[in-house]
Amino acid sequence: MAKTVRLEPIAQETSVETNGNLLSVLINKDLDVLRECGGRGMCATCHVYVTDGMEALSPINRREQRTLEVITTCKTNSRLACQARVLTNGVVVELPPGMYINSIQDIEALIGRRAEQDLLHPLTGQVLVESGKLITRSMLKQIQDSTSFKMGEFFSMSSDT
């Protein structure tokens, strides 16, 4: 039997099969979710805030808890959409503001412009460039020095335990 999930701030309701995950809801609504780890709960690219109905979702497992602990924007109502399964009605989900970037080249293309929204690290959710800030070459160098975008390396080192 289908359950209803409300998405904010776009004020849309959608349905998902019982025990379906929130990620399927986001994908079905054509929302821009990177899913860098393929839905294994090892990255932050499907991170959402549950503004209502946390008890209507499956409990947080160990992997999800570990991943959430490294997200700098993590709050008590944070969940990974790929791991949160909808058990009953009443879930309201809000997407975090900002845009996840896949590579340094994504930022390079924006040098000399102001960020229209926060640019976020694809694994940790850390804000790399704040909304409204001018993106400069020196900022790009600073990001390169402090951030690694070796996704394959990250996933090969991660385990399921």
N, C-alpha and C. Protein backbone atom coordinates (compact mmCIF):
# COMPACT_ATOMS: atom_id res chain seq x y z
N MET A 1 0.84 -1.19 0.00
CA MET A 1 0.00 0.00 0.00
C MET A 1 0.88 1.25 0.00
N ALA A 2 0.53 2.23 -0.80
CA ALA A 2 1.34 3.43 -0.95
C ALA A 2 1.20 4.36 0.25
N LYS A 3 2.29 5.04 0.56
CA LYS A 3 2.34 6.05 1.62
C LYS A 3 2.62 7.41 0.99
N THR A 4 2.18 8.47 1.67
CA THR A 4 2.35 9.81 1.15
C THR A 4 3.53 10.50 1.81
N VAL A 5 4.33 11.18 0.98
CA VAL A 5 5.48 11.96 1.46
C VAL A 5 5.34 13.35 0.88
N ARG A 6 5.54 14.38 1.73
CA ARG A 6 5.48 15.77 1.27
C ARG A 6 6.90 16.31 1.15
N LEU A 7 7.17 16.98 0.01
CA LEU A 7 8.49 17.56 -0.24
C LEU A 7 8.41 19.08 -0.08
N GLU A 8 9.32 19.61 0.70
CA GLU A 8 9.43 21.05 0.90
C GLU A 8 10.81 21.50 0.42
N PRO A 9 11.01 22.69 0.02
CA PRO A 9 10.08 23.81 -0.03
C PRO A 9 9.23 23.86 -1.30
N ILE A 10 9.21 22.79 -2.08
CA ILE A 10 8.46 22.83 -3.34
C ILE A 10 6.98 22.51 -3.15
N ALA A 11 6.57 22.18 -1.92
CA ALA A 11 5.17 21.96 -1.57
C ALA A 11 4.48 20.96 -2.49
N GLN A 12 5.12 19.80 -2.67
CA GLN A 12 4.52 18.75 -3.49
C GLN A 12 4.36 17.49 -2.65
N GLU A 13 3.26 16.80 -2.88
CA GLU A 13 3.05 15.51 -2.22
C GLU A 13 3.21 14.43 -3.27
N THR A 14 3.78 13.32 -2.86
CA THR A 14 3.97 12.19 -3.76
C THR A 14 3.79 10.92 -2.96
N SER A 15 3.62 9.82 -3.66
CA SER A 15 3.44 8.57 -2.94
C SER A 15 4.62 7.64 -3.21
N VAL A 16 4.81 6.74 -2.27
CA VAL A 16 5.87 5.73 -2.36
C VAL A 16 5.31 4.46 -1.75
N GLU A 17 5.73 3.33 -2.27
CA GLU A 17 5.28 2.05 -1.70
C GLU A 17 5.78 1.93 -0.26
N THR A 18 5.00 1.26 0.58
CA THR A 18 5.44 0.98 1.94
C THR A 18 6.80 0.29 1.89
N ASN A 19 7.71 0.77 2.71
CA ASN A 19 9.08 0.29 2.78
C ASN A 19 9.94 0.77 1.60
N GLY A 20 9.42 1.65 0.75
CA GLY A 20 10.22 2.28 -0.29
C GLY A 20 11.08 3.36 0.35
N ASN A 21 12.24 3.63 -0.23
CA ASN A 21 13.10 4.64 0.39
C ASN A 21 12.80 6.04 -0.15
N LEU A 22 13.23 7.04 0.63
CA LEU A 22 12.99 8.43 0.24
C LEU A 22 13.72 8.80 -1.03
N LEU A 23 14.83 8.12 -1.33
CA LEU A 23 15.58 8.41 -2.55
C LEU A 23 14.69 8.16 -3.78
N SER A 24 13.91 7.10 -3.77
CA SER A 24 13.02 6.83 -4.90
C SER A 24 12.01 7.95 -5.09
N VAL A 25 11.58 8.55 -3.99
CA VAL A 25 10.65 9.69 -4.07
C VAL A 25 11.33 10.86 -4.78
N LEU A 26 12.56 11.17 -4.39
CA LEU A 26 13.29 12.29 -4.99
C LEU A 26 13.56 12.05 -6.47
N ILE A 27 13.94 10.83 -6.81
CA ILE A 27 14.21 10.49 -8.21
C ILE A 27 12.94 10.59 -9.04
N ASN A 28 11.83 10.08 -8.51
CA ASN A 28 10.55 10.12 -9.23
C ASN A 28 10.08 11.54 -9.48
N LYS A 29 10.50 12.48 -8.65
CA LYS A 29 10.12 13.88 -8.82
C LYS A 29 11.16 14.64 -9.65
N ASP A 30 12.09 13.91 -10.24
CA ASP A 30 13.15 14.50 -11.07
C ASP A 30 13.96 15.56 -10.34
N LEU A 31 14.18 15.35 -9.05
CA LEU A 31 15.00 16.27 -8.28
C LEU A 31 16.46 15.90 -8.47
N ASP A 32 17.32 16.91 -8.45
CA ASP A 32 18.74 16.73 -8.75
C ASP A 32 19.46 16.12 -7.55
N VAL A 33 19.53 14.79 -7.51
CA VAL A 33 20.20 14.07 -6.44
C VAL A 33 21.34 13.28 -7.09
N LEU A 34 22.57 13.49 -6.63
CA LEU A 34 23.73 12.87 -7.29
C LEU A 34 23.83 11.37 -7.08
N ARG A 35 23.56 10.87 -5.90
CA ARG A 35 23.65 9.43 -5.60
C ARG A 35 25.05 8.88 -5.89
N GLU A 36 26.07 9.58 -5.44
CA GLU A 36 27.45 9.21 -5.75
C GLU A 36 27.82 7.79 -5.35
N CYS A 37 27.26 7.29 -4.25
CA CYS A 37 27.63 5.94 -3.80
C CYS A 37 26.67 4.88 -4.31
N GLY A 38 25.72 5.27 -5.13
CA GLY A 38 24.77 4.30 -5.68
C GLY A 38 23.72 3.85 -4.69
N GLY A 39 23.44 4.66 -3.68
CA GLY A 39 22.41 4.31 -2.71
C GLY A 39 22.87 3.39 -1.60
N ARG A 40 24.18 3.37 -1.34
CA ARG A 40 24.72 2.48 -0.31
C ARG A 40 24.89 3.16 1.05
N GLY A 41 24.48 4.43 1.16
CA GLY A 41 24.58 5.12 2.44
C GLY A 41 25.98 5.56 2.81
N MET A 42 26.84 5.76 1.82
CA MET A 42 28.24 6.08 2.09
C MET A 42 28.64 7.49 1.68
N CYS A 43 27.73 8.25 1.12
CA CYS A 43 28.04 9.64 0.77
C CYS A 43 26.91 10.53 1.30
N ALA A 44 27.01 11.79 1.08
CA ALA A 44 26.01 12.72 1.60
C ALA A 44 25.13 13.31 0.50
N THR A 45 25.22 12.80 -0.70
CA THR A 45 24.56 13.46 -1.82
C THR A 45 23.05 13.27 -1.84
N CYS A 46 22.50 12.43 -0.98
CA CYS A 46 21.03 12.31 -0.89
C CYS A 46 20.55 12.75 0.49
N HIS A 47 21.37 13.52 1.19
CA HIS A 47 21.04 14.01 2.53
C HIS A 47 19.79 14.89 2.48
N VAL A 48 18.85 14.64 3.39
CA VAL A 48 17.63 15.44 3.50
C VAL A 48 17.36 15.73 4.98
N TYR A 49 16.49 16.71 5.22
CA TYR A 49 16.00 16.99 6.57
C TYR A 49 14.57 16.49 6.66
N VAL A 50 14.26 15.74 7.69
CA VAL A 50 12.89 15.28 7.93
C VAL A 50 12.27 16.28 8.89
N THR A 51 11.38 17.13 8.37
CA THR A 51 10.79 18.19 9.21
C THR A 51 9.59 17.69 9.99
N ASP A 52 9.02 16.55 9.57
CA ASP A 52 7.91 15.95 10.31
C ASP A 52 7.84 14.47 9.95
N GLY A 53 7.51 13.64 10.91
CA GLY A 53 7.29 12.23 10.65
C GLY A 53 8.53 11.36 10.73
N MET A 54 9.54 11.76 11.49
CA MET A 54 10.75 10.93 11.63
C MET A 54 10.39 9.53 12.11
N GLU A 55 9.38 9.43 12.97
CA GLU A 55 8.96 8.13 13.51
C GLU A 55 8.28 7.25 12.45
N ALA A 56 7.91 7.84 11.31
CA ALA A 56 7.27 7.09 10.23
C ALA A 56 8.31 6.45 9.30
N LEU A 57 9.60 6.65 9.62
CA LEU A 57 10.68 6.11 8.81
C LEU A 57 11.39 4.97 9.54
N SER A 58 12.08 4.15 8.79
CA SER A 58 12.88 3.08 9.39
C SER A 58 13.96 3.71 10.27
N PRO A 59 14.41 2.99 11.30
CA PRO A 59 15.47 3.52 12.18
C PRO A 59 16.79 3.73 11.42
N ILE A 60 17.62 4.60 11.93
CA ILE A 60 18.93 4.86 11.34
C ILE A 60 19.84 3.66 11.62
N ASN A 61 20.48 3.13 10.56
CA ASN A 61 21.40 2.01 10.76
C ASN A 61 22.82 2.55 11.00
N ARG A 62 23.75 1.65 11.31
CA ARG A 62 25.12 2.06 11.65
C ARG A 62 25.82 2.82 10.54
N ARG A 63 25.69 2.33 9.31
CA ARG A 63 26.36 2.99 8.19
C ARG A 63 25.83 4.40 8.01
N GLU A 64 24.52 4.55 8.05
CA GLU A 64 23.92 5.88 7.88
C GLU A 64 24.38 6.79 9.01
N GLN A 65 24.40 6.30 10.23
CA GLN A 65 24.84 7.11 11.37
C GLN A 65 26.27 7.59 11.17
N ARG A 66 27.16 6.70 10.73
CA ARG A 66 28.56 7.07 10.50
C ARG A 66 28.66 8.14 9.41
N THR A 67 27.91 7.95 8.34
CA THR A 67 27.95 8.92 7.24
C THR A 67 27.42 10.27 7.71
N LEU A 68 26.31 10.26 8.46
CA LEU A 68 25.74 11.52 8.95
C LEU A 68 26.70 12.25 9.89
N GLU A 69 27.51 11.51 10.62
CA GLU A 69 28.46 12.13 11.55
C GLU A 69 29.53 12.96 10.85
N VAL A 70 29.82 12.67 9.57
CA VAL A 70 30.84 13.44 8.86
C VAL A 70 30.26 14.62 8.09
N ILE A 71 28.94 14.71 8.01
CA ILE A 71 28.32 15.82 7.28
C ILE A 71 28.33 17.05 8.17
N THR A 72 28.90 18.12 7.68
CA THR A 72 29.02 19.33 8.48
C THR A 72 27.68 20.01 8.72
N THR A 73 26.69 19.75 7.86
CA THR A 73 25.38 20.38 8.02
C THR A 73 24.39 19.47 8.72
N CYS A 74 24.87 18.37 9.30
CA CYS A 74 24.01 17.37 9.93
C CYS A 74 23.29 17.95 11.15
N LYS A 75 22.01 17.67 11.24
CA LYS A 75 21.20 18.07 12.38
C LYS A 75 20.50 16.83 12.91
N THR A 76 19.78 16.97 13.99
CA THR A 76 19.09 15.81 14.57
C THR A 76 18.00 15.27 13.66
N ASN A 77 17.53 16.07 12.72
CA ASN A 77 16.49 15.60 11.80
C ASN A 77 17.06 15.21 10.43
N SER A 78 18.38 14.99 10.36
CA SER A 78 19.02 14.60 9.11
C SER A 78 18.84 13.11 8.84
N ARG A 79 18.65 12.78 7.56
CA ARG A 79 18.60 11.38 7.11
C ARG A 79 19.24 11.30 5.73
N LEU A 80 19.70 10.12 5.38
CA LEU A 80 20.13 9.84 4.01
C LEU A 80 18.91 9.23 3.32
N ALA A 81 18.48 9.85 2.23
CA ALA A 81 17.26 9.41 1.55
C ALA A 81 17.35 7.97 1.08
N CYS A 82 18.56 7.50 0.75
CA CYS A 82 18.71 6.12 0.27
C CYS A 82 18.51 5.10 1.37
N GLN A 83 18.67 5.50 2.62
CA GLN A 83 18.57 4.56 3.74
C GLN A 83 17.26 4.67 4.50
N ALA A 84 16.57 5.80 4.37
CA ALA A 84 15.32 6.03 5.11
C ALA A 84 14.14 5.42 4.36
N ARG A 85 13.55 4.39 4.93
CA ARG A 85 12.40 3.71 4.31
C ARG A 85 11.12 4.21 4.95
N VAL A 86 10.11 4.46 4.12
CA VAL A 86 8.83 5.01 4.58
C VAL A 86 7.94 3.86 5.06
N LEU A 87 7.60 3.89 6.35
CA LEU A 87 6.79 2.83 6.95
C LEU A 87 5.32 3.23 7.08
N THR A 88 5.06 4.51 7.41
CA THR A 88 3.69 5.00 7.53
C THR A 88 3.60 6.40 6.93
N ASN A 89 2.38 6.91 6.83
CA ASN A 89 2.15 8.26 6.29
C ASN A 89 2.66 9.33 7.24
N GLY A 90 2.76 10.55 6.73
CA GLY A 90 3.06 11.70 7.57
C GLY A 90 4.49 12.20 7.49
N VAL A 91 5.25 11.78 6.50
CA VAL A 91 6.64 12.21 6.37
C VAL A 91 6.70 13.51 5.56
N VAL A 92 7.41 14.51 6.10
CA VAL A 92 7.66 15.75 5.38
C VAL A 92 9.17 15.91 5.29
N VAL A 93 9.67 16.05 4.06
CA VAL A 93 11.10 16.09 3.79
C VAL A 93 11.47 17.43 3.18
N GLU A 94 12.59 17.98 3.62
CA GLU A 94 13.12 19.22 3.04
C GLU A 94 14.53 18.96 2.53
N LEU A 95 14.78 19.39 1.31
CA LEU A 95 16.11 19.23 0.73
C LEU A 95 17.03 20.32 1.27
N PRO A 96 18.30 19.99 1.55
CA PRO A 96 19.22 21.02 2.02
C PRO A 96 19.50 22.02 0.90
N PRO A 97 19.61 23.29 1.25
CA PRO A 97 19.90 24.28 0.22
C PRO A 97 21.33 24.13 -0.28
N GLY A 98 21.53 24.34 -1.56
CA GLY A 98 22.88 24.27 -2.12
C GLY A 98 22.95 23.28 -3.26
N MET A 99 24.13 23.24 -3.88
CA MET A 99 24.35 22.37 -5.02
C MET A 99 25.62 21.57 -4.78
N TYR A 100 25.52 20.25 -4.85
CA TYR A 100 26.70 19.41 -4.72
C TYR A 100 27.51 19.50 -6.00
N ILE A 101 28.83 19.56 -5.86
CA ILE A 101 29.67 19.61 -7.05
C ILE A 101 30.37 18.27 -7.22
N ASN A 102 30.58 17.88 -8.47
CA ASN A 102 31.21 16.60 -8.78
C ASN A 102 32.72 16.69 -8.87
N SER A 103 33.22 17.85 -9.28
CA SER A 103 34.66 17.95 -9.50
C SER A 103 35.09 19.42 -9.41
N ILE A 104 36.39 19.60 -9.34
CA ILE A 104 36.96 20.95 -9.33
C ILE A 104 36.59 21.68 -10.62
N GLN A 105 36.46 20.95 -11.71
CA GLN A 105 36.09 21.56 -12.99
C GLN A 105 34.73 22.26 -12.90
N ASP A 106 33.82 21.73 -12.07
CA ASP A 106 32.52 22.38 -11.88
C ASP A 106 32.70 23.80 -11.36
N ILE A 107 33.67 23.98 -10.45
CA ILE A 107 33.92 25.31 -9.88
C ILE A 107 34.73 26.15 -10.86
N GLU A 108 35.70 25.55 -11.55
CA GLU A 108 36.53 26.27 -12.52
C GLU A 108 35.68 27.02 -13.54
N ALA A 109 34.61 26.38 -13.98
CA ALA A 109 33.73 26.99 -14.98
C ALA A 109 33.01 28.22 -14.44
N LEU A 110 33.01 28.39 -13.11
CA LEU A 110 32.29 29.51 -12.49
C LEU A 110 33.20 30.64 -12.02
N ILE A 111 34.52 30.53 -12.26
CA ILE A 111 35.45 31.57 -11.82
C ILE A 111 35.04 32.92 -12.39
N GLY A 112 35.04 33.93 -11.51
CA GLY A 112 34.67 35.28 -11.92
C GLY A 112 33.18 35.57 -11.74
N ARG A 113 32.42 34.57 -11.35
CA ARG A 113 30.98 34.76 -11.13
C ARG A 113 30.67 34.58 -9.65
N ARG A 114 29.52 35.04 -9.25
CA ARG A 114 29.07 34.83 -7.88
C ARG A 114 28.29 33.51 -7.81
N ALA A 115 28.49 32.79 -6.73
CA ALA A 115 27.75 31.53 -6.54
C ALA A 115 26.28 31.86 -6.34
N GLU A 116 25.43 31.25 -7.15
CA GLU A 116 23.99 31.49 -7.04
C GLU A 116 23.40 30.78 -5.83
N GLN A 117 24.06 29.72 -5.38
CA GLN A 117 23.66 29.01 -4.18
C GLN A 117 24.92 28.41 -3.57
N ASP A 118 24.84 27.93 -2.33
CA ASP A 118 26.00 27.30 -1.71
C ASP A 118 26.47 26.15 -2.60
N LEU A 119 27.79 26.04 -2.77
CA LEU A 119 28.37 24.90 -3.48
C LEU A 119 28.90 23.95 -2.42
N LEU A 120 28.45 22.69 -2.47
CA LEU A 120 28.71 21.74 -1.41
C LEU A 120 29.64 20.62 -1.84
N HIS A 121 30.47 20.15 -0.90
CA HIS A 121 31.35 19.01 -1.13
C HIS A 121 30.49 17.78 -1.34
N PRO A 122 30.80 16.93 -2.32
CA PRO A 122 29.93 15.80 -2.66
C PRO A 122 29.89 14.68 -1.61
N LEU A 123 30.85 14.60 -0.72
CA LEU A 123 30.82 13.54 0.29
C LEU A 123 30.42 14.04 1.66
N THR A 124 30.95 15.19 2.04
CA THR A 124 30.73 15.66 3.41
C THR A 124 29.60 16.67 3.53
N GLY A 125 29.18 17.27 2.42
CA GLY A 125 28.15 18.30 2.49
C GLY A 125 28.69 19.64 2.96
N GLN A 126 30.00 19.73 3.19
CA GLN A 126 30.63 20.97 3.63
C GLN A 126 30.41 22.05 2.58
N VAL A 127 30.12 23.28 3.04
CA VAL A 127 29.96 24.39 2.11
C VAL A 127 31.35 24.81 1.64
N LEU A 128 31.60 24.65 0.33
CA LEU A 128 32.88 25.03 -0.25
C LEU A 128 32.88 26.51 -0.65
N VAL A 129 31.77 26.96 -1.19
CA VAL A 129 31.61 28.36 -1.58
C VAL A 129 30.21 28.80 -1.16
N GLU A 130 30.14 29.85 -0.37
CA GLU A 130 28.84 30.34 0.10
C GLU A 130 28.10 31.08 -1.01
N SER A 131 26.79 31.00 -0.96
CA SER A 131 25.94 31.71 -1.90
C SER A 131 26.27 33.21 -1.88
N GLY A 132 26.37 33.80 -3.06
CA GLY A 132 26.64 35.23 -3.16
C GLY A 132 28.12 35.59 -3.20
N LYS A 133 29.00 34.65 -2.85
CA LYS A 133 30.44 34.92 -2.85
C LYS A 133 31.00 34.84 -4.26
N LEU A 134 31.97 35.68 -4.55
CA LEU A 134 32.65 35.67 -5.83
C LEU A 134 33.61 34.48 -5.88
N ILE A 135 33.57 33.73 -6.95
CA ILE A 135 34.43 32.56 -7.10
C ILE A 135 35.70 33.01 -7.82
N THR A 136 36.83 32.90 -7.12
CA THR A 136 38.11 33.38 -7.66
C THR A 136 39.08 32.22 -7.84
N ARG A 137 40.16 32.47 -8.59
CA ARG A 137 41.19 31.43 -8.78
C ARG A 137 41.84 31.06 -7.45
N SER A 138 42.06 32.06 -6.58
CA SER A 138 42.68 31.77 -5.29
C SER A 138 41.74 30.91 -4.43
N MET A 139 40.44 31.13 -4.55
CA MET A 139 39.47 30.32 -3.82
C MET A 139 39.51 28.88 -4.34
N LEU A 140 39.62 28.74 -5.66
CA LEU A 140 39.70 27.42 -6.28
C LEU A 140 40.94 26.68 -5.77
N LYS A 141 42.08 27.36 -5.71
CA LYS A 141 43.32 26.76 -5.23
C LYS A 141 43.17 26.32 -3.77
N GLN A 142 42.53 27.15 -2.98
CA GLN A 142 42.29 26.85 -1.57
C GLN A 142 41.42 25.59 -1.43
N ILE A 143 40.41 25.47 -2.26
CA ILE A 143 39.53 24.30 -2.24
C ILE A 143 40.29 23.06 -2.67
N GLN A 144 41.11 23.18 -3.72
CA GLN A 144 41.91 22.05 -4.20
C GLN A 144 42.87 21.56 -3.11
N ASP A 145 43.48 22.49 -2.38
CA ASP A 145 44.44 22.13 -1.35
C ASP A 145 43.79 21.45 -0.15
N SER A 146 42.55 21.82 0.14
CA SER A 146 41.90 21.30 1.35
C SER A 146 40.90 20.18 1.07
N THR A 147 40.66 19.86 -0.19
CA THR A 147 39.60 18.92 -0.52
C THR A 147 40.08 17.91 -1.55
N SER A 148 39.68 16.69 -1.38
CA SER A 148 40.00 15.65 -2.35
C SER A 148 38.72 15.18 -3.02
N PHE A 149 38.75 15.03 -4.32
CA PHE A 149 37.58 14.58 -5.06
C PHE A 149 37.81 13.20 -5.66
N LYS A 150 38.58 12.39 -4.96
CA LYS A 150 38.88 11.05 -5.45
C LYS A 150 37.79 10.10 -4.96
N MET A 151 36.64 10.15 -5.59
CA MET A 151 35.47 9.40 -5.16
C MET A 151 35.73 7.89 -5.16
N GLY A 152 36.30 7.36 -6.24
CA GLY A 152 36.55 5.94 -6.34
C GLY A 152 37.42 5.43 -5.20
N GLU A 153 38.43 6.23 -4.86
CA GLU A 153 39.32 5.88 -3.76
C GLU A 153 38.56 5.81 -2.45
N PHE A 154 37.67 6.76 -2.23
CA PHE A 154 36.86 6.81 -1.01
C PHE A 154 36.01 5.56 -0.88
N PHE A 155 35.33 5.19 -1.96
CA PHE A 155 34.42 4.05 -1.89
C PHE A 155 35.16 2.74 -1.78
N SER A 156 36.35 2.62 -2.36
CA SER A 156 37.09 1.37 -2.27
C SER A 156 37.63 1.17 -0.86
N MET A 157 37.85 2.25 -0.11
CA MET A 157 38.34 2.14 1.26
C MET A 157 37.21 1.90 2.24
N SER A 158 35.98 2.24 1.88
CA SER A 158 34.83 2.09 2.76
C SER A 158 34.38 0.64 2.79
N SER A 159 33.88 0.23 3.92
CA SER A 159 33.35 -1.14 4.03
C SER A 159 31.93 -1.09 4.56
N ASP A 160 31.27 -2.22 4.52
CA ASP A 160 29.89 -2.29 4.98
C ASP A 160 29.75 -2.44 6.48
N THR A 161 30.82 -2.62 7.21
CA THR A 161 30.73 -2.87 8.64
C THR A 161 30.68 -1.62 9.44
